[in-house]
Each structure stands twice: as structure tokens, then as C-alpha cells.
Amino acid sequence: MTLSFADLKTKAEQAEREKGQPFIAKDGKELFLRPLLHLNKAELKNALALVDVIQNDDTSFQLRLDAMDQMLIVAADRKKAMRDSVDNLPAEARMEIFKVWMEAAEGPEASDSTS
């Protein structure tokens, strides 16, 4: 089997669309929140550092919320629009965006329950 860059890129873009999350920003235009595994090297490194902040129970709520905001901005294909949006939303709404984005990246198999 021969691997090609073009084929792998097409496959990755399709998976990104399936596991990402569209969001209508404050400016009224759609932006796209990409799954973590579809970020470039620098973005992924930043996002993983933010995951550590979010998961640290010793970190203040405000710092954890700021880290969630930053992760959303890193994941967004339109970073300024995402920054403007999170800057103008209450904490509860920002947390909801984060939750929906994370659930979208998990895919349908993660939401299936056998209980």
C-alpha cells in the first residue's frame, strides 16, 4: 500500500469536519473549532499545556476558565472572532461551548451507553 500526502490530507480534513464543532461567532459568521488531534504542532503543544491547567484541581476557577477560553481560541479557525466571542460571553456560556466542542471530538461511540 502506498501512502500519499494528498490522500492523508483529504482523510484528515474529512475527519476534522466530522469531529469538529461549528460555532456562530459574535460577528454572525461561522467559525470552526477543530479537534485537538487536528491542530498543528505549535497549537497542539499550547493546547496540551492548557489541558494541564484545566485538569489541575489546585488551580483557581478563574485560571481554569481562562485556559478553556484559550483552548477554544487555539482550536478556532478564526481566532480573532473566537476571542471576541468568548470575551463577550458569561462564564456559563463559555463553559457550554467548551463542553460541546469536547463532546463533538469524542464522536458518537463515546456517547453510547450500555447502562
N, C-alpha and C. Protein backbone atom coordinates (compact mmCIF):
# COMPACT_ATOMS: atom_id res chain seq x y z
N MET A 1 0.83 -1.18 0.00
CA MET A 1 0.00 0.00 0.00
C MET A 1 0.88 1.25 0.00
N THR A 2 0.61 2.14 -0.90
CA THR A 2 1.36 3.38 -0.99
C THR A 2 0.58 4.49 -0.30
N LEU A 3 1.26 5.18 0.58
CA LEU A 3 0.66 6.32 1.25
C LEU A 3 1.00 7.58 0.47
N SER A 4 0.04 8.49 0.38
CA SER A 4 0.34 9.75 -0.29
C SER A 4 -0.09 10.90 0.61
N PHE A 5 0.66 11.97 0.53
CA PHE A 5 0.34 13.16 1.31
C PHE A 5 -1.07 13.65 0.99
N ALA A 6 -1.41 13.71 -0.28
CA ALA A 6 -2.73 14.22 -0.69
C ALA A 6 -3.85 13.38 -0.12
N ASP A 7 -3.70 12.05 -0.16
CA ASP A 7 -4.74 11.17 0.39
C ASP A 7 -4.87 11.33 1.90
N LEU A 8 -3.74 11.40 2.59
CA LEU A 8 -3.76 11.55 4.03
C LEU A 8 -4.35 12.90 4.44
N LYS A 9 -4.02 13.94 3.69
CA LYS A 9 -4.56 15.28 3.97
C LYS A 9 -6.07 15.30 3.78
N THR A 10 -6.56 14.68 2.72
CA THR A 10 -8.00 14.61 2.45
C THR A 10 -8.71 13.85 3.57
N LYS A 11 -8.14 12.74 3.97
CA LYS A 11 -8.72 11.93 5.05
C LYS A 11 -8.76 12.72 6.36
N ALA A 12 -7.67 13.44 6.65
CA ALA A 12 -7.61 14.23 7.88
C ALA A 12 -8.63 15.36 7.86
N GLU A 13 -8.80 16.01 6.72
CA GLU A 13 -9.77 17.09 6.62
C GLU A 13 -11.20 16.58 6.79
N GLN A 14 -11.48 15.40 6.26
CA GLN A 14 -12.80 14.81 6.42
C GLN A 14 -13.06 14.48 7.90
N ALA A 15 -12.08 13.88 8.55
CA ALA A 15 -12.21 13.55 9.97
C ALA A 15 -12.36 14.81 10.81
N GLU A 16 -11.65 15.86 10.43
CA GLU A 16 -11.74 17.14 11.15
C GLU A 16 -13.16 17.69 11.09
N ARG A 17 -13.76 17.64 9.93
CA ARG A 17 -15.14 18.13 9.76
C ARG A 17 -16.13 17.28 10.56
N GLU A 18 -15.89 15.99 10.63
CA GLU A 18 -16.80 15.10 11.36
C GLU A 18 -16.69 15.26 12.87
N LYS A 19 -15.49 15.60 13.37
CA LYS A 19 -15.28 15.64 14.81
C LYS A 19 -15.11 17.05 15.35
N GLY A 20 -15.14 18.05 14.48
CA GLY A 20 -15.03 19.43 14.93
C GLY A 20 -16.40 19.99 15.27
N GLN A 21 -16.42 21.27 15.65
CA GLN A 21 -17.66 21.90 16.07
C GLN A 21 -17.82 23.27 15.42
N PRO A 22 -18.85 23.43 14.58
CA PRO A 22 -19.13 24.78 14.06
C PRO A 22 -19.68 25.66 15.16
N PHE A 23 -19.42 26.96 15.06
CA PHE A 23 -19.89 27.93 16.05
C PHE A 23 -20.15 29.25 15.33
N ILE A 24 -21.31 29.84 15.56
CA ILE A 24 -21.60 31.15 15.00
C ILE A 24 -21.05 32.18 15.98
N ALA A 25 -20.05 32.91 15.55
CA ALA A 25 -19.34 33.85 16.41
C ALA A 25 -20.14 35.13 16.62
N LYS A 26 -19.62 35.99 17.46
CA LYS A 26 -20.25 37.27 17.77
C LYS A 26 -20.49 38.08 16.50
N ASP A 27 -19.60 37.94 15.52
CA ASP A 27 -19.73 38.71 14.28
C ASP A 27 -20.80 38.14 13.34
N GLY A 28 -21.48 37.06 13.77
CA GLY A 28 -22.55 36.46 12.98
C GLY A 28 -22.08 35.48 11.93
N LYS A 29 -20.78 35.28 11.82
CA LYS A 29 -20.22 34.36 10.83
C LYS A 29 -19.76 33.08 11.52
N GLU A 30 -19.82 32.00 10.76
CA GLU A 30 -19.42 30.71 11.31
C GLU A 30 -17.91 30.61 11.41
N LEU A 31 -17.48 30.01 12.50
CA LEU A 31 -16.09 29.59 12.63
C LEU A 31 -16.11 28.12 12.96
N PHE A 32 -14.97 27.50 12.94
CA PHE A 32 -14.92 26.06 13.16
C PHE A 32 -13.90 25.75 14.24
N LEU A 33 -14.34 25.01 15.25
CA LEU A 33 -13.47 24.56 16.32
C LEU A 33 -12.94 23.18 15.96
N ARG A 34 -11.65 23.11 15.67
CA ARG A 34 -11.03 21.87 15.23
C ARG A 34 -10.74 20.95 16.42
N PRO A 35 -10.82 19.64 16.21
CA PRO A 35 -10.45 18.70 17.28
C PRO A 35 -8.97 18.86 17.64
N LEU A 36 -8.63 18.57 18.88
CA LEU A 36 -7.23 18.70 19.32
C LEU A 36 -6.25 17.97 18.41
N LEU A 37 -6.60 16.76 18.02
CA LEU A 37 -5.66 15.97 17.22
C LEU A 37 -5.48 16.50 15.80
N HIS A 38 -6.21 17.53 15.44
CA HIS A 38 -6.08 18.11 14.10
C HIS A 38 -5.41 19.47 14.13
N LEU A 39 -4.86 19.86 15.27
CA LEU A 39 -4.13 21.10 15.37
C LEU A 39 -2.69 20.89 14.90
N ASN A 40 -2.06 21.97 14.45
CA ASN A 40 -0.66 21.83 14.06
C ASN A 40 0.21 21.66 15.31
N LYS A 41 1.49 21.40 15.12
CA LYS A 41 2.38 21.09 16.25
C LYS A 41 2.38 22.17 17.33
N ALA A 42 2.52 23.42 16.93
CA ALA A 42 2.59 24.51 17.90
C ALA A 42 1.26 24.67 18.63
N GLU A 43 0.17 24.61 17.89
CA GLU A 43 -1.15 24.73 18.51
C GLU A 43 -1.40 23.59 19.49
N LEU A 44 -1.05 22.38 19.10
CA LEU A 44 -1.26 21.22 19.96
C LEU A 44 -0.43 21.34 21.24
N LYS A 45 0.80 21.79 21.11
CA LYS A 45 1.66 21.96 22.29
C LYS A 45 1.01 22.96 23.26
N ASN A 46 0.51 24.07 22.74
CA ASN A 46 -0.17 25.07 23.58
C ASN A 46 -1.43 24.49 24.22
N ALA A 47 -2.20 23.76 23.42
CA ALA A 47 -3.45 23.18 23.93
C ALA A 47 -3.18 22.17 25.04
N LEU A 48 -2.17 21.35 24.87
CA LEU A 48 -1.86 20.34 25.89
C LEU A 48 -1.40 20.99 27.19
N ALA A 49 -0.68 22.10 27.11
CA ALA A 49 -0.30 22.83 28.32
C ALA A 49 -1.55 23.37 29.01
N LEU A 50 -2.52 23.81 28.23
CA LEU A 50 -3.77 24.32 28.80
C LEU A 50 -4.60 23.20 29.43
N VAL A 51 -4.55 22.00 28.86
CA VAL A 51 -5.24 20.85 29.44
C VAL A 51 -4.73 20.62 30.86
N ASP A 52 -3.43 20.72 31.05
CA ASP A 52 -2.85 20.54 32.38
C ASP A 52 -3.42 21.55 33.38
N VAL A 53 -3.60 22.79 32.94
CA VAL A 53 -4.17 23.82 33.82
C VAL A 53 -5.62 23.49 34.15
N ILE A 54 -6.38 23.10 33.14
CA ILE A 54 -7.81 22.80 33.32
C ILE A 54 -8.01 21.62 34.27
N GLN A 55 -7.17 20.62 34.15
CA GLN A 55 -7.33 19.40 34.95
C GLN A 55 -6.74 19.50 36.35
N ASN A 56 -6.01 20.55 36.64
CA ASN A 56 -5.38 20.71 37.95
C ASN A 56 -6.40 21.26 38.95
N ASP A 57 -6.81 20.42 39.88
CA ASP A 57 -7.81 20.81 40.88
C ASP A 57 -7.32 21.91 41.82
N ASP A 58 -6.02 22.12 41.88
CA ASP A 58 -5.46 23.17 42.74
C ASP A 58 -5.48 24.54 42.06
N THR A 59 -5.79 24.57 40.78
CA THR A 59 -5.85 25.82 40.04
C THR A 59 -7.18 26.51 40.31
N SER A 60 -7.15 27.83 40.41
CA SER A 60 -8.38 28.57 40.68
C SER A 60 -9.37 28.42 39.53
N PHE A 61 -10.63 28.61 39.85
CA PHE A 61 -11.68 28.53 38.84
C PHE A 61 -11.42 29.51 37.70
N GLN A 62 -11.01 30.73 38.04
CA GLN A 62 -10.78 31.74 37.00
C GLN A 62 -9.65 31.33 36.06
N LEU A 63 -8.58 30.79 36.60
CA LEU A 63 -7.47 30.35 35.74
C LEU A 63 -7.89 29.17 34.85
N ARG A 64 -8.70 28.28 35.40
CA ARG A 64 -9.19 27.14 34.61
C ARG A 64 -10.11 27.64 33.49
N LEU A 65 -10.97 28.58 33.81
CA LEU A 65 -11.87 29.16 32.81
C LEU A 65 -11.08 29.89 31.72
N ASP A 66 -10.06 30.63 32.13
CA ASP A 66 -9.20 31.31 31.15
C ASP A 66 -8.51 30.30 30.23
N ALA A 67 -8.09 29.17 30.80
CA ALA A 67 -7.44 28.13 30.00
C ALA A 67 -8.43 27.52 29.00
N MET A 68 -9.68 27.34 29.41
CA MET A 68 -10.71 26.84 28.48
C MET A 68 -10.91 27.83 27.34
N ASP A 69 -10.98 29.12 27.67
CA ASP A 69 -11.12 30.15 26.64
C ASP A 69 -9.96 30.08 25.66
N GLN A 70 -8.75 29.97 26.20
CA GLN A 70 -7.56 29.92 25.34
C GLN A 70 -7.57 28.68 24.44
N MET A 71 -8.04 27.55 24.98
CA MET A 71 -8.12 26.33 24.16
C MET A 71 -9.09 26.53 23.01
N LEU A 72 -10.22 27.17 23.28
CA LEU A 72 -11.19 27.44 22.22
C LEU A 72 -10.59 28.34 21.15
N ILE A 73 -9.83 29.32 21.57
CA ILE A 73 -9.18 30.23 20.61
C ILE A 73 -8.14 29.48 19.79
N VAL A 74 -7.35 28.65 20.44
CA VAL A 74 -6.34 27.85 19.72
C VAL A 74 -7.01 26.94 18.69
N ALA A 75 -8.13 26.34 19.05
CA ALA A 75 -8.81 25.39 18.17
C ALA A 75 -9.57 26.06 17.03
N ALA A 76 -9.89 27.33 17.18
CA ALA A 76 -10.71 28.03 16.19
C ALA A 76 -9.95 28.31 14.91
N ASP A 77 -10.65 28.16 13.79
CA ASP A 77 -10.02 28.52 12.51
C ASP A 77 -10.06 30.04 12.29
N ARG A 78 -10.85 30.74 13.07
CA ARG A 78 -10.89 32.22 13.05
C ARG A 78 -10.67 32.68 14.50
N LYS A 79 -9.41 32.82 14.85
CA LYS A 79 -9.03 33.07 16.24
C LYS A 79 -9.54 34.40 16.79
N LYS A 80 -9.45 35.46 16.01
CA LYS A 80 -9.92 36.77 16.49
C LYS A 80 -11.42 36.74 16.75
N ALA A 81 -12.17 36.12 15.87
CA ALA A 81 -13.62 36.02 16.06
C ALA A 81 -13.95 35.21 17.31
N MET A 82 -13.20 34.15 17.57
CA MET A 82 -13.44 33.34 18.77
C MET A 82 -13.09 34.15 20.01
N ARG A 83 -11.96 34.87 19.98
CA ARG A 83 -11.55 35.69 21.12
C ARG A 83 -12.61 36.74 21.42
N ASP A 84 -13.10 37.42 20.39
CA ASP A 84 -14.15 38.43 20.58
C ASP A 84 -15.41 37.80 21.16
N SER A 85 -15.71 36.59 20.75
CA SER A 85 -16.91 35.92 21.23
C SER A 85 -16.78 35.55 22.71
N VAL A 86 -15.68 34.90 23.09
CA VAL A 86 -15.55 34.48 24.48
C VAL A 86 -15.38 35.67 25.41
N ASP A 87 -14.79 36.75 24.90
CA ASP A 87 -14.63 37.95 25.73
C ASP A 87 -15.98 38.59 26.06
N ASN A 88 -17.01 38.27 25.29
CA ASN A 88 -18.31 38.90 25.47
C ASN A 88 -19.40 37.94 25.93
N LEU A 89 -19.00 36.80 26.44
CA LEU A 89 -19.97 35.83 26.95
C LEU A 89 -19.73 35.57 28.43
N PRO A 90 -20.78 35.26 29.18
CA PRO A 90 -20.59 34.90 30.58
C PRO A 90 -19.91 33.53 30.70
N ALA A 91 -19.37 33.27 31.87
CA ALA A 91 -18.62 32.03 32.11
C ALA A 91 -19.43 30.79 31.76
N GLU A 92 -20.69 30.75 32.14
CA GLU A 92 -21.51 29.56 31.88
C GLU A 92 -21.62 29.26 30.39
N ALA A 93 -21.78 30.28 29.57
CA ALA A 93 -21.89 30.09 28.12
C ALA A 93 -20.57 29.61 27.54
N ARG A 94 -19.46 30.16 28.02
CA ARG A 94 -18.14 29.74 27.54
C ARG A 94 -17.88 28.29 27.90
N MET A 95 -18.30 27.90 29.11
CA MET A 95 -18.13 26.51 29.52
C MET A 95 -18.99 25.58 28.66
N GLU A 96 -20.17 26.04 28.27
CA GLU A 96 -21.03 25.22 27.41
C GLU A 96 -20.39 25.00 26.04
N ILE A 97 -19.81 26.05 25.46
CA ILE A 97 -19.12 25.90 24.17
C ILE A 97 -18.01 24.87 24.31
N PHE A 98 -17.22 24.99 25.37
CA PHE A 98 -16.10 24.08 25.59
C PHE A 98 -16.60 22.63 25.70
N LYS A 99 -17.66 22.43 26.47
CA LYS A 99 -18.21 21.09 26.67
C LYS A 99 -18.71 20.48 25.35
N VAL A 100 -19.46 21.25 24.59
CA VAL A 100 -19.99 20.76 23.31
C VAL A 100 -18.85 20.44 22.35
N TRP A 101 -17.83 21.29 22.33
CA TRP A 101 -16.67 21.06 21.45
C TRP A 101 -15.95 19.78 21.84
N MET A 102 -15.74 19.57 23.13
CA MET A 102 -15.06 18.36 23.57
C MET A 102 -15.89 17.11 23.27
N GLU A 103 -17.20 17.20 23.45
CA GLU A 103 -18.07 16.06 23.15
C GLU A 103 -18.08 15.75 21.65
N ALA A 104 -18.04 16.77 20.81
CA ALA A 104 -18.01 16.56 19.36
C ALA A 104 -16.75 15.80 18.96
N ALA A 105 -15.65 16.13 19.58
CA ALA A 105 -14.38 15.47 19.25
C ALA A 105 -14.35 14.01 19.67
N GLU A 106 -15.14 13.66 20.71
CA GLU A 106 -15.19 12.27 21.16
C GLU A 106 -15.88 11.38 20.16
N GLY A 107 -16.82 11.94 19.41
CA GLY A 107 -17.55 11.15 18.42
C GLY A 107 -18.70 10.38 19.03
N PRO A 108 -19.53 9.78 18.20
CA PRO A 108 -20.74 9.10 18.68
C PRO A 108 -20.46 7.87 19.52
N GLU A 109 -19.35 7.19 19.29
CA GLU A 109 -19.09 5.97 20.05
C GLU A 109 -18.89 6.26 21.53
N ALA A 110 -18.43 7.44 21.88
CA ALA A 110 -18.20 7.77 23.29
C ALA A 110 -19.52 8.05 24.01
N SER A 111 -20.54 8.42 23.28
CA SER A 111 -21.82 8.75 23.93
C SER A 111 -22.72 7.54 24.07
N ASP A 112 -22.38 6.42 23.44
CA ASP A 112 -23.19 5.21 23.58
C ASP A 112 -23.04 4.67 24.99
N SER A 113 -24.15 4.32 25.60
CA SER A 113 -24.12 3.82 26.97
C SER A 113 -24.75 2.44 27.03
N THR A 114 -24.12 1.55 27.77
CA THR A 114 -24.65 0.20 27.90
C THR A 114 -25.40 0.04 29.21
N SER A 115 -25.48 1.11 29.99
CA SER A 115 -26.17 1.01 31.28
C SER A 115 -27.64 1.28 31.16
